[in-house]
Amino acid sequence: MLNWNWPKHDPQTAPADAGGSTTAAKPQHPVKPRKAKLALALGGGAARGWAHIGVLRALEEEGIEVGMIAGTSIGALVGGCYLAGKLDELETFARSLTMRRIAGLLDLTIGGGGLLGGMRLTKRMQEHLEDMAIEDLDRPFVAVATELHSGHEVWITSGSLITGLRASYALPGIFEPVRCNNRTLVDGALVNPVPTSVCRAYEQPLVAAVNLNYDVFGRSAVVKHNASVQPVVTGQHTHVKEARIGMPSVMVQAFNIIQERISRARLAGDPPDIALHPRVGDIGLSEFHRAGEAIDRGYQEVKNRIADLKRVQEVFAG
């Protein structure tokens, strides 16, 4: 009967080869655990979103690999350009912005769904992202938008990268909504300002959220207030002093409140493994010309938290 139990190889008793030598056992070295890749949830915040460029620069400098990106609004713009290999071009563009150049990029529309058509911005993106599809990126990317008629959260995971980015940052009242596959899409920050939940749905083990709204308001959500109006006395006349606020300021501040409150609620229910909070609350939503400041603050936030980031990486190392 044949015996299929072959003897185990023993380097000490191995037969000599034709040259009379024996095969020596190779020394075993411990396998170094592979560092966990980071899934990034890049939040919305209009001009504050240039901070995402600094965050990505610092992560690269520290050797922390990004495995996927989910982005809302300008978070989608920066994340999409990064995965497309166009972060250098985006940073150059952002740092070149002045108030005059910004005005030259805006195309006022009459009777449309927003004050600005956004086509001049689209043409600039086409110079670098023309014919690029989301599914062709080398890592998973999701742009978050909002369906205007239903209020549904929409995850754009394939198709034209430019269209996905435009839909994600189409701030209602400012940019015209984007029509895509029979849906009318607007800014994703209305439903998911910091899309940690998207990274979780993709079963990413290590998720970092970049929240641009952390220091916009105080941490108290409820304030008791007396509704009586205090008169102002000047000489013999008494009148009520009333500060008037323009419509653009009201819209911007209202959107600030929406993003901050929704961000807080959603992150409480689905927290990231680590949260990054660039201190950009003093940068207005429309102050795109302050890109240098925002980028530097995003960079510094990662540098300040690098020990925490690497510690979490070790915990999730595979």
C-alpha atoms as a PDB file:
ATOM      1  CA  MET A   1       0.000   0.000   0.000  1.00  0.00           C
ATOM      2  CA  LEU A   2       1.270   3.457  -0.874  1.00  0.00           C
ATOM      3  CA  ASN A   3       2.091   5.812   2.007  1.00  0.00           C
ATOM      4  CA  TRP A   4       0.985   9.413   1.304  1.00  0.00           C
ATOM      5  CA  ASN A   5       2.432  10.703   4.583  1.00  0.00           C
ATOM      6  CA  TRP A   6       5.524  12.306   3.188  1.00  0.00           C
ATOM      7  CA  PRO A   7       8.277  12.998   5.747  1.00  0.00           C
ATOM      8  CA  LYS A   8       8.544  16.606   6.820  1.00  0.00           C
ATOM      9  CA  HIS A   9      11.473  18.567   5.478  1.00  0.00           C
ATOM     10  CA  ASP A  10      14.215  18.963   8.085  1.00  0.00           C
ATOM     11  CA  PRO A  11      17.043  21.318   7.077  1.00  0.00           C
ATOM     12  CA  GLN A  12      19.379  19.474   9.467  1.00  0.00           C
ATOM     13  CA  THR A  13      18.919  16.123   7.656  1.00  0.00           C
ATOM     14  CA  ALA A  14      18.267  17.368   4.125  1.00  0.00           C
ATOM     15  CA  PRO A  15      20.112  15.384   1.437  1.00  0.00           C
ATOM     16  CA  ALA A  16      23.110  16.995  -0.193  1.00  0.00           C
ATOM     17  CA  ASP A  17      22.673  18.521  -3.627  1.00  0.00           C
ATOM     18  CA  ALA A  18      24.916  17.851  -6.579  1.00  0.00           C
ATOM     19  CA  GLY A  19      27.544  20.183  -5.180  1.00  0.00           C
ATOM     20  CA  GLY A  20      27.623  18.414  -1.848  1.00  0.00           C
ATOM     21  CA  SER A  21      26.037  21.262   0.106  1.00  0.00           C
ATOM     22  CA  THR A  22      22.901  21.166   2.202  1.00  0.00           C
ATOM     23  CA  THR A  23      19.947  23.580   2.068  1.00  0.00           C
ATOM     24  CA  ALA A  24      20.107  25.907   5.055  1.00  0.00           C
ATOM     25  CA  ALA A  25      16.946  27.185   6.777  1.00  0.00           C
ATOM     26  CA  LYS A  26      16.218  30.867   6.131  1.00  0.00           C
ATOM     27  CA  PRO A  27      15.932  32.991   9.294  1.00  0.00           C
ATOM     28  CA  GLN A  28      12.398  33.991  10.116  1.00  0.00           C
ATOM     29  CA  HIS A  29      11.797  37.751  10.600  1.00  0.00           C
ATOM     30  CA  PRO A  30       8.682  39.008  12.349  1.00  0.00           C
ATOM     31  CA  VAL A  31       6.175  40.460   9.891  1.00  0.00           C
ATOM     32  CA  LYS A  32       5.611  44.148  10.562  1.00  0.00           C
ATOM     33  CA  PRO A  33       1.881  44.889  10.865  1.00  0.00           C
ATOM     34  CA  ARG A  34       0.512  46.893   7.961  1.00  0.00           C
ATOM     35  CA  LYS A  35      -0.781  50.344   8.872  1.00  0.00           C
ATOM     36  CA  ALA A  36      -4.513  50.847   8.480  1.00  0.00           C
ATOM     37  CA  LYS A  37      -5.535  53.155   5.647  1.00  0.00           C
ATOM     38  CA  LEU A  38      -7.575  56.204   6.548  1.00  0.00           C
ATOM     39  CA  ALA A  39     -11.089  56.773   5.221  1.00  0.00           C
ATOM     40  CA  LEU A  40     -11.683  60.520   5.095  1.00  0.00           C
ATOM     41  CA  ALA A  41     -15.044  62.236   5.520  1.00  0.00           C
ATOM     42  CA  LEU A  42     -14.454  65.770   4.214  1.00  0.00           C
ATOM     43  CA  GLY A  43     -17.150  68.161   5.377  1.00  0.00           C
ATOM     44  CA  GLY A  44     -18.800  71.150   3.731  1.00  0.00           C
ATOM     45  CA  GLY A  45     -18.081  74.764   4.580  1.00  0.00           C
ATOM     46  CA  ALA A  46     -17.663  76.739   1.334  1.00  0.00           C
ATOM     47  CA  ALA A  47     -14.503  78.893   1.545  1.00  0.00           C
ATOM     48  CA  ARG A  48     -13.461  77.208   4.786  1.00  0.00           C
ATOM     49  CA  GLY A  49     -13.114  74.019   2.749  1.00  0.00           C
ATOM     50  CA  TRP A  50      -9.715  75.068   1.403  1.00  0.00           C
ATOM     51  CA  ALA A  51      -8.522  73.735   4.778  1.00  0.00           C
ATOM     52  CA  HIS A  52      -9.009  70.232   3.342  1.00  0.00           C
ATOM     53  CA  ILE A  53      -6.038  70.878   1.044  1.00  0.00           C
ATOM     54  CA  GLY A  54      -3.822  71.464   4.075  1.00  0.00           C
ATOM     55  CA  VAL A  55      -5.185  68.338   5.761  1.00  0.00           C
ATOM     56  CA  LEU A  56      -4.300  66.178   2.751  1.00  0.00           C
ATOM     57  CA  ARG A  57      -0.856  67.754   2.420  1.00  0.00           C
ATOM     58  CA  ALA A  58      -0.029  67.014   6.046  1.00  0.00           C
ATOM     59  CA  LEU A  59      -1.312  63.425   5.862  1.00  0.00           C
ATOM     60  CA  GLU A  60       0.899  62.772   2.829  1.00  0.00           C
ATOM     61  CA  GLU A  61       3.876  64.343   4.582  1.00  0.00           C
ATOM     62  CA  GLU A  62       3.361  62.090   7.596  1.00  0.00           C
ATOM     63  CA  GLY A  63       3.024  58.963   5.440  1.00  0.00           C
ATOM     64  CA  ILE A  64      -0.615  58.316   6.392  1.00  0.00           C
ATOM     65  CA  GLU A  65      -2.289  56.609   3.444  1.00  0.00           C
ATOM     66  CA  VAL A  66      -5.835  57.538   2.442  1.00  0.00           C
ATOM     67  CA  GLY A  67      -7.967  54.538   1.444  1.00  0.00           C
ATOM     68  CA  MET A  68     -11.176  56.312   0.413  1.00  0.00           C
ATOM     69  CA  ILE A  69     -12.826  59.732   0.506  1.00  0.00           C
ATOM     70  CA  ALA A  70     -16.433  60.728   1.030  1.00  0.00           C
ATOM     71  CA  GLY A  71     -16.967  64.435   0.483  1.00  0.00           C
ATOM     72  CA  THR A  72     -19.766  66.937   0.874  1.00  0.00           C
ATOM     73  CA  SER A  73     -19.826  70.257  -0.991  1.00  0.00           C
ATOM     74  CA  ILE A  74     -16.303  71.716  -1.116  1.00  0.00           C
ATOM     75  CA  GLY A  75     -15.143  68.557   0.658  1.00  0.00           C
ATOM     76  CA  ALA A  76     -16.185  66.666  -2.467  1.00  0.00           C
ATOM     77  CA  LEU A  77     -14.377  69.182  -4.689  1.00  0.00           C
ATOM     78  CA  VAL A  78     -11.089  68.901  -2.812  1.00  0.00           C
ATOM     79  CA  GLY A  79     -11.364  65.129  -2.295  1.00  0.00           C
ATOM     80  CA  GLY A  80     -12.242  64.460  -5.920  1.00  0.00           C
ATOM     81  CA  CYS A  81      -9.346  66.572  -7.205  1.00  0.00           C
ATOM     82  CA  TYR A  82      -6.975  64.813  -4.788  1.00  0.00           C
ATOM     83  CA  LEU A  83      -7.925  61.324  -5.965  1.00  0.00           C
ATOM     84  CA  ALA A  84      -7.751  62.516  -9.572  1.00  0.00           C
ATOM     85  CA  GLY A  85      -4.154  63.630  -9.007  1.00  0.00           C
ATOM     86  CA  LYS A  86      -5.030  67.314  -9.439  1.00  0.00           C
ATOM     87  CA  LEU A  87      -4.477  68.674  -5.921  1.00  0.00           C
ATOM     88  CA  ASP A  88      -1.486  70.764  -7.023  1.00  0.00           C
ATOM     89  CA  GLU A  89      -3.567  72.481  -9.687  1.00  0.00           C
ATOM     90  CA  LEU A  90      -6.440  73.088  -7.237  1.00  0.00           C
ATOM     91  CA  GLU A  91      -4.121  74.564  -4.612  1.00  0.00           C
ATOM     92  CA  THR A  92      -2.497  76.861  -7.163  1.00  0.00           C
ATOM     93  CA  PHE A  93      -5.951  78.015  -8.254  1.00  0.00           C
ATOM     94  CA  ALA A  94      -7.149  78.541  -4.659  1.00  0.00           C
ATOM     95  CA  ARG A  95      -4.085  80.538  -3.615  1.00  0.00           C
ATOM     96  CA  SER A  96      -4.380  82.736  -6.714  1.00  0.00           C
ATOM     97  CA  LEU A  97      -7.895  83.920  -5.864  1.00  0.00           C
ATOM     98  CA  THR A  98      -8.478  87.569  -5.115  1.00  0.00           C
ATOM     99  CA  MET A  99     -11.822  89.295  -4.673  1.00  0.00           C
ATOM    100  CA  ARG A 100     -11.527  90.619  -8.226  1.00  0.00           C
ATOM    101  CA  ARG A 101     -10.724  87.191  -9.688  1.00  0.00           C
ATOM    102  CA  ILE A 102     -13.617  85.628  -7.785  1.00  0.00           C
ATOM    103  CA  ALA A 103     -15.988  88.216  -9.272  1.00  0.00           C
ATOM    104  CA  GLY A 104     -14.697  87.308 -12.733  1.00  0.00           C
ATOM    105  CA  LEU A 105     -15.577  83.644 -12.196  1.00  0.00           C
ATOM    106  CA  LEU A 106     -19.182  84.322 -11.192  1.00  0.00           C
ATOM    107  CA  ASP A 107     -21.852  84.377 -13.876  1.00  0.00           C
ATOM    108  CA  LEU A 108     -25.045  86.039 -12.660  1.00  0.00           C
ATOM    109  CA  THR A 109     -28.239  84.404 -13.914  1.00  0.00           C
ATOM    110  CA  ILE A 110     -31.719  85.893 -14.116  1.00  0.00           C
ATOM    111  CA  GLY A 111     -34.715  83.651 -13.593  1.00  0.00           C
ATOM    112  CA  GLY A 112     -32.694  80.538 -12.854  1.00  0.00           C
ATOM    113  CA  GLY A 113     -32.615  78.351  -9.761  1.00  0.00           C
ATOM    114  CA  GLY A 114     -29.710  80.279  -8.270  1.00  0.00           C
ATOM    115  CA  LEU A 115     -27.996  83.644  -8.399  1.00  0.00           C
ATOM    116  CA  LEU A 116     -24.985  82.087 -10.106  1.00  0.00           C
ATOM    117  CA  GLY A 117     -24.941  79.663 -13.004  1.00  0.00           C
ATOM    118  CA  GLY A 118     -21.504  78.313 -12.170  1.00  0.00           C
ATOM    119  CA  MET A 119     -20.577  77.649 -15.805  1.00  0.00           C
ATOM    120  CA  ARG A 120     -17.362  79.662 -15.619  1.00  0.00           C
ATOM    121  CA  LEU A 121     -16.245  77.554 -12.677  1.00  0.00           C
ATOM    122  CA  THR A 122     -17.228  74.432 -14.599  1.00  0.00           C
ATOM    123  CA  LYS A 123     -15.084  75.502 -17.545  1.00  0.00           C
ATOM    124  CA  ARG A 124     -12.108  75.871 -15.228  1.00  0.00           C
ATOM    125  CA  MET A 125     -12.672  72.358 -13.882  1.00  0.00           C
ATOM    126  CA  GLN A 126     -12.960  70.986 -17.407  1.00  0.00           C
ATOM    127  CA  GLU A 127      -9.415  72.142 -18.096  1.00  0.00           C
ATOM    128  CA  HIS A 128      -8.173  69.464 -15.682  1.00  0.00           C
ATOM    129  CA  LEU A 129     -11.003  66.959 -15.134  1.00  0.00           C
ATOM    130  CA  GLU A 130     -12.510  66.634 -18.620  1.00  0.00           C
ATOM    131  CA  ASP A 131     -13.819  63.117 -19.406  1.00  0.00           C
ATOM    132  CA  MET A 132     -12.776  61.788 -15.986  1.00  0.00           C
ATOM    133  CA  ALA A 133     -15.204  59.298 -14.400  1.00  0.00           C
ATOM    134  CA  ILE A 134     -15.575  58.632 -10.677  1.00  0.00           C
ATOM    135  CA  GLU A 135     -15.268  54.882 -11.144  1.00  0.00           C
ATOM    136  CA  ASP A 136     -11.890  55.359 -12.857  1.00  0.00           C
ATOM    137  CA  LEU A 137     -10.294  56.846  -9.731  1.00  0.00           C
ATOM    138  CA  ASP A 138      -7.789  54.544  -8.033  1.00  0.00           C
ATOM    139  CA  ARG A 139      -9.657  54.602  -4.709  1.00  0.00           C
ATOM    140  CA  PRO A 140     -13.334  54.748  -3.737  1.00  0.00           C
ATOM    141  CA  PHE A 141     -14.866  58.219  -3.869  1.00  0.00           C
ATOM    142  CA  VAL A 142     -18.385  59.356  -2.967  1.00  0.00           C
ATOM    143  CA  ALA A 143     -19.802  62.852  -3.510  1.00  0.00           C
ATOM    144  CA  VAL A 144     -22.834  63.592  -1.317  1.00  0.00           C
ATOM    145  CA  ALA A 145     -25.713  65.643  -2.735  1.00  0.00           C
ATOM    146  CA  THR A 146     -29.354  66.327  -1.825  1.00  0.00           C
ATOM    147  CA  GLU A 147     -32.355  65.567  -4.042  1.00  0.00           C
ATOM    148  CA  LEU A 148     -34.286  68.820  -4.049  1.00  0.00           C
ATOM    149  CA  HIS A 149     -37.843  67.476  -4.437  1.00  0.00           C
ATOM    150  CA  SER A 150     -37.662  64.530  -2.030  1.00  0.00           C
ATOM    151  CA  GLY A 151     -34.972  65.626   0.413  1.00  0.00           C
ATOM    152  CA  HIS A 152     -33.184  62.312  -0.101  1.00  0.00           C
ATOM    153  CA  GLU A 153     -29.471  62.024   0.539  1.00  0.00           C
ATOM    154  CA  VAL A 154     -27.820  61.036  -2.752  1.00  0.00           C
ATOM    155  CA  TRP A 155     -24.447  59.278  -2.972  1.00  0.00           C
ATOM    156  CA  ILE A 156     -22.793  59.839  -6.342  1.00  0.00           C
ATOM    157  CA  THR A 157     -20.392  56.954  -6.939  1.00  0.00           C
ATOM    158  CA  SER A 158     -20.052  56.764 -10.719  1.00  0.00           C
ATOM    159  CA  GLY A 159     -20.321  58.829 -13.851  1.00  0.00           C
ATOM    160  CA  SER A 160     -18.842  62.243 -14.645  1.00  0.00           C
ATOM    161  CA  LEU A 161     -16.583  63.501 -11.874  1.00  0.00           C
ATOM    162  CA  ILE A 162     -17.302  67.135 -12.775  1.00  0.00           C
ATOM    163  CA  THR A 163     -21.071  66.600 -12.612  1.00  0.00           C
ATOM    164  CA  GLY A 164     -20.773  64.865  -9.251  1.00  0.00           C
ATOM    165  CA  LEU A 165     -18.704  67.707  -7.817  1.00  0.00           C
ATOM    166  CA  ARG A 166     -21.051  70.390  -9.174  1.00  0.00           C
ATOM    167  CA  ALA A 167     -24.086  68.645  -7.686  1.00  0.00           C
ATOM    168  CA  SER A 168     -22.423  68.298  -4.301  1.00  0.00           C
ATOM    169  CA  TYR A 169     -21.577  72.018  -3.963  1.00  0.00           C
ATOM    170  CA  ALA A 170     -24.745  73.475  -5.582  1.00  0.00           C
ATOM    171  CA  LEU A 171     -25.671  75.686  -2.624  1.00  0.00           C
ATOM    172  CA  PRO A 172     -29.404  76.540  -2.889  1.00  0.00           C
ATOM    173  CA  GLY A 173     -30.057  80.142  -3.829  1.00  0.00           C
ATOM    174  CA  ILE A 174     -26.446  80.645  -4.916  1.00  0.00           C
ATOM    175  CA  PHE A 175     -25.646  78.000  -7.546  1.00  0.00           C
ATOM    176  CA  GLU A 176     -28.200  76.547  -9.903  1.00  0.00           C
ATOM    177  CA  PRO A 177     -29.303  72.966  -9.109  1.00  0.00           C
ATOM    178  CA  VAL A 178     -27.781  70.211 -11.239  1.00  0.00           C
ATOM    179  CA  ARG A 179     -30.074  67.967 -13.290  1.00  0.00           C
ATOM    180  CA  CYS A 180     -28.750  64.409 -13.372  1.00  0.00           C
ATOM    181  CA  ASN A 181     -30.641  61.208 -14.307  1.00  0.00           C
ATOM    182  CA  ASN A 182     -34.055  62.826 -13.759  1.00  0.00           C
ATOM    183  CA  ARG A 183     -33.033  64.146 -10.346  1.00  0.00           C
ATOM    184  CA  THR A 184     -32.553  67.755  -9.300  1.00  0.00           C
ATOM    185  CA  LEU A 185     -29.514  67.837  -7.037  1.00  0.00           C
ATOM    186  CA  VAL A 186     -28.278  70.521  -4.644  1.00  0.00           C
ATOM    187  CA  ASP A 187     -25.645  70.868  -1.931  1.00  0.00           C
ATOM    188  CA  GLY A 188     -25.128  67.729   0.154  1.00  0.00           C
ATOM    189  CA  ALA A 189     -24.490  69.770   3.302  1.00  0.00           C
ATOM    190  CA  LEU A 190     -28.268  70.148   3.687  1.00  0.00           C
ATOM    191  CA  VAL A 191     -28.511  66.500   4.738  1.00  0.00           C
ATOM    192  CA  ASN A 192     -24.997  65.262   5.593  1.00  0.00           C
ATOM    193  CA  PRO A 193     -22.437  68.025   6.223  1.00  0.00           C
ATOM    194  CA  VAL A 194     -19.687  65.625   7.404  1.00  0.00           C
ATOM    195  CA  PRO A 195     -20.282  62.249   5.696  1.00  0.00           C
ATOM    196  CA  THR A 196     -18.821  59.845   8.241  1.00  0.00           C
ATOM    197  CA  SER A 197     -21.814  57.554   7.667  1.00  0.00           C
ATOM    198  CA  VAL A 198     -20.776  57.047   4.041  1.00  0.00           C
ATOM    199  CA  CYS A 199     -17.361  55.726   5.072  1.00  0.00           C
ATOM    200  CA  ARG A 200     -19.036  53.410   7.585  1.00  0.00           C
ATOM    201  CA  ALA A 201     -21.362  52.073   4.896  1.00  0.00           C
ATOM    202  CA  TYR A 202     -18.271  51.171   2.857  1.00  0.00           C
ATOM    203  CA  GLU A 203     -17.099  49.141   5.871  1.00  0.00           C
ATOM    204  CA  GLN A 204     -13.985  51.228   6.377  1.00  0.00           C
ATOM    205  CA  PRO A 205     -12.350  50.272   9.681  1.00  0.00           C
ATOM    206  CA  LEU A 206     -10.656  53.620  10.373  1.00  0.00           C
ATOM    207  CA  VAL A 207     -12.605  56.813   9.711  1.00  0.00           C
ATOM    208  CA  ALA A 208     -11.413  60.382  10.214  1.00  0.00           C
ATOM    209  CA  ALA A 209     -13.865  63.261   9.895  1.00  0.00           C
ATOM    210  CA  VAL A 210     -12.814  66.818   9.002  1.00  0.00           C
ATOM    211  CA  ASN A 211     -15.471  69.129  10.458  1.00  0.00           C
ATOM    212  CA  LEU A 212     -15.210  72.763   9.339  1.00  0.00           C
ATOM    213  CA  ASN A 213     -18.110  73.984  11.498  1.00  0.00           C
ATOM    214  CA  TYR A 214     -16.826  73.037  14.937  1.00  0.00           C
ATOM    215  CA  ASP A 215     -15.900  76.538  16.089  1.00  0.00           C
ATOM    216  CA  VAL A 216     -18.444  78.583  14.130  1.00  0.00           C
ATOM    217  CA  PHE A 217     -20.804  78.909  17.112  1.00  0.00           C
ATOM    218  CA  GLY A 218     -20.632  78.267  20.825  1.00  0.00           C
ATOM    219  CA  ARG A 219     -21.414  74.810  22.184  1.00  0.00           C
ATOM    220  CA  SER A 220     -24.682  75.860  23.860  1.00  0.00           C
ATOM    221  CA  ALA A 221     -27.756  75.112  21.726  1.00  0.00           C
ATOM    222  CA  VAL A 222     -30.465  76.786  23.860  1.00  0.00           C
ATOM    223  CA  VAL A 223     -30.519  80.347  25.192  1.00  0.00           C
ATOM    224  CA  LYS A 224     -33.331  81.863  27.279  1.00  0.00           C
ATOM    225  CA  HIS A 225     -34.298  85.316  26.061  1.00  0.00           C
ATOM    226  CA  ASN A 226     -36.596  88.188  27.027  1.00  0.00           C
ATOM    227  CA  ALA A 227     -38.668  89.357  24.029  1.00  0.00           C
ATOM    228  CA  SER A 228     -39.180  92.923  25.281  1.00  0.00           C
ATOM    229  CA  VAL A 229     -37.621  95.669  23.141  1.00  0.00           C
ATOM    230  CA  GLN A 230     -35.245  98.020  24.911  1.00  0.00           C
ATOM    231  CA  PRO A 231     -35.694 101.695  23.842  1.00  0.00           C
ATOM    232  CA  VAL A 232     -32.727 103.937  23.174  1.00  0.00           C
ATOM    233  CA  VAL A 233     -32.950 107.471  24.639  1.00  0.00           C
ATOM    234  CA  THR A 234     -31.216 110.318  22.763  1.00  0.00           C
ATOM    235  CA  GLY A 235     -31.924 113.778  24.184  1.00  0.00           C
ATOM    236  CA  GLN A 236     -35.688 114.153  24.560  1.00  0.00           C
ATOM    237  CA  HIS A 237     -36.523 111.518  21.949  1.00  0.00           C
ATOM    238  CA  THR A 238     -36.934 107.810  22.537  1.00  0.00           C
ATOM    239  CA  HIS A 239     -36.675 105.355  19.667  1.00  0.00           C
ATOM    240  CA  VAL A 240     -36.040 101.689  19.066  1.00  0.00           C
ATOM    241  CA  LYS A 241     -32.634 100.904  17.590  1.00  0.00           C
ATOM    242  CA  GLU A 242     -32.812  98.277  14.865  1.00  0.00           C
ATOM    243  CA  ALA A 243     -29.845  96.848  12.963  1.00  0.00           C
ATOM    244  CA  ARG A 244     -30.686  95.888   9.395  1.00  0.00           C
ATOM    245  CA  ILE A 245     -29.112  92.828   7.838  1.00  0.00           C
ATOM    246  CA  GLY A 246     -28.924  92.265   4.093  1.00  0.00           C
ATOM    247  CA  MET A 247     -30.445  89.217   2.425  1.00  0.00           C
ATOM    248  CA  PRO A 248     -27.097  87.626   1.422  1.00  0.00           C
ATOM    249  CA  SER A 249     -25.883  87.859   5.021  1.00  0.00           C
ATOM    250  CA  VAL A 250     -29.100  86.272   6.277  1.00  0.00           C
ATOM    251  CA  MET A 251     -28.791  83.388   3.777  1.00  0.00           C
ATOM    252  CA  VAL A 252     -25.155  82.745   4.628  1.00  0.00           C
ATOM    253  CA  GLN A 253     -25.715  82.833   8.368  1.00  0.00           C
ATOM    254  CA  ALA A 254     -28.780  80.591   8.079  1.00  0.00           C
ATOM    255  CA  PHE A 255     -26.719  78.054   6.159  1.00  0.00           C
ATOM    256  CA  ASN A 256     -24.014  78.282   8.839  1.00  0.00           C
ATOM    257  CA  ILE A 257     -26.596  77.361  11.466  1.00  0.00           C
ATOM    258  CA  ILE A 258     -28.007  74.484   9.413  1.00  0.00           C
ATOM    259  CA  GLN A 259     -24.580  72.944   8.804  1.00  0.00           C
ATOM    260  CA  GLU A 260     -23.429  73.308  12.387  1.00  0.00           C
ATOM    261  CA  ARG A 261     -26.570  71.828  13.941  1.00  0.00           C
ATOM    262  CA  ILE A 262     -26.862  68.927  11.486  1.00  0.00           C
ATOM    263  CA  SER A 263     -23.140  68.185  11.792  1.00  0.00           C
ATOM    264  CA  ARG A 264     -23.399  67.980  15.549  1.00  0.00           C
ATOM    265  CA  ALA A 265     -26.425  65.693  15.465  1.00  0.00           C
ATOM    266  CA  ARG A 266     -25.107  63.304  12.804  1.00  0.00           C
ATOM    267  CA  LEU A 267     -21.622  63.020  14.259  1.00  0.00           C
ATOM    268  CA  ALA A 268     -23.103  62.261  17.676  1.00  0.00           C
ATOM    269  CA  GLY A 269     -25.110  59.398  16.189  1.00  0.00           C
ATOM    270  CA  ASP A 270     -22.323  58.067  13.977  1.00  0.00           C
ATOM    271  CA  PRO A 271     -18.995  59.305  15.385  1.00  0.00           C
ATOM    272  CA  PRO A 272     -15.702  58.908  13.528  1.00  0.00           C
ATOM    273  CA  ASP A 273     -12.693  57.174  15.037  1.00  0.00           C
ATOM    274  CA  ILE A 274     -10.947  60.529  15.083  1.00  0.00           C
ATOM    275  CA  ALA A 275     -12.278  64.033  14.395  1.00  0.00           C
ATOM    276  CA  LEU A 276     -10.191  66.870  12.997  1.00  0.00           C
ATOM    277  CA  HIS A 277     -11.347  70.443  13.616  1.00  0.00           C
ATOM    278  CA  PRO A 278      -9.374  73.073  11.694  1.00  0.00           C
ATOM    279  CA  ARG A 279      -9.957  76.422  13.397  1.00  0.00           C
ATOM    280  CA  VAL A 280     -11.546  78.250  10.470  1.00  0.00           C
ATOM    281  CA  GLY A 281     -14.700  79.657  12.081  1.00  0.00           C
ATOM    282  CA  ASP A 282     -13.614  83.254  11.458  1.00  0.00           C
ATOM    283  CA  ILE A 283     -13.375  82.663   7.686  1.00  0.00           C
ATOM    284  CA  GLY A 284     -16.655  83.576   6.018  1.00  0.00           C
ATOM    285  CA  LEU A 285     -18.398  81.140   3.681  1.00  0.00           C
ATOM    286  CA  SER A 286     -17.746  83.442   0.723  1.00  0.00           C
ATOM    287  CA  GLU A 287     -14.177  84.476   1.593  1.00  0.00           C
ATOM    288  CA  PHE A 288     -12.521  82.226  -0.966  1.00  0.00           C
ATOM    289  CA  HIS A 289      -9.646  84.717  -1.266  1.00  0.00           C
ATOM    290  CA  ARG A 290      -8.443  83.605   2.193  1.00  0.00           C
ATOM    291  CA  ALA A 291      -7.348  80.229   0.846  1.00  0.00           C
ATOM    292  CA  GLY A 292      -3.811  80.540   2.183  1.00  0.00           C
ATOM    293  CA  GLU A 293      -5.051  80.942   5.761  1.00  0.00           C
ATOM    294  CA  ALA A 294      -7.495  78.053   5.493  1.00  0.00           C
ATOM    295  CA  ILE A 295      -4.916  75.704   3.947  1.00  0.00           C
ATOM    296  CA  ASP A 296      -2.374  76.513   6.648  1.00  0.00           C
ATOM    297  CA  ARG A 297      -4.903  75.879   9.416  1.00  0.00           C
ATOM    298  CA  GLY A 298      -5.907  72.514   7.963  1.00  0.00           C
ATOM    299  CA  TYR A 299      -2.242  71.556   7.729  1.00  0.00           C
ATOM    300  CA  GLN A 300      -1.578  72.642  11.309  1.00  0.00           C
ATOM    301  CA  GLU A 301      -4.577  70.712  12.668  1.00  0.00           C
ATOM    302  CA  VAL A 302      -3.156  67.445  11.343  1.00  0.00           C
ATOM    303  CA  LYS A 303       0.304  68.284  12.692  1.00  0.00           C
ATOM    304  CA  ASN A 304      -1.196  68.998  16.113  1.00  0.00           C
ATOM    305  CA  ARG A 305      -3.087  65.688  16.093  1.00  0.00           C
ATOM    306  CA  ILE A 306      -0.485  63.492  14.448  1.00  0.00           C
ATOM    307  CA  ALA A 307       0.229  61.506  17.619  1.00  0.00           C
ATOM    308  CA  ASP A 308      -3.488  60.719  17.980  1.00  0.00           C
ATOM    309  CA  LEU A 309      -3.764  59.759  14.294  1.00  0.00           C
ATOM    310  CA  LYS A 310      -0.850  57.343  14.453  1.00  0.00           C
ATOM    311  CA  ARG A 311      -2.069  55.860  17.719  1.00  0.00           C
ATOM    312  CA  VAL A 312      -5.468  55.110  16.181  1.00  0.00           C
ATOM    313  CA  GLN A 313      -3.725  53.678  13.112  1.00  0.00           C
ATOM    314  CA  GLU A 314      -1.869  51.219  15.322  1.00  0.00           C
ATOM    315  CA  VAL A 315      -5.090  50.103  16.981  1.00  0.00           C
ATOM    316  CA  PHE A 316      -6.626  49.285  13.583  1.00  0.00           C
ATOM    317  CA  ALA A 317      -3.435  47.864  12.051  1.00  0.00           C
ATOM    318  CA  GLY A 318      -4.007  44.583  10.226  1.00  0.00           C
END
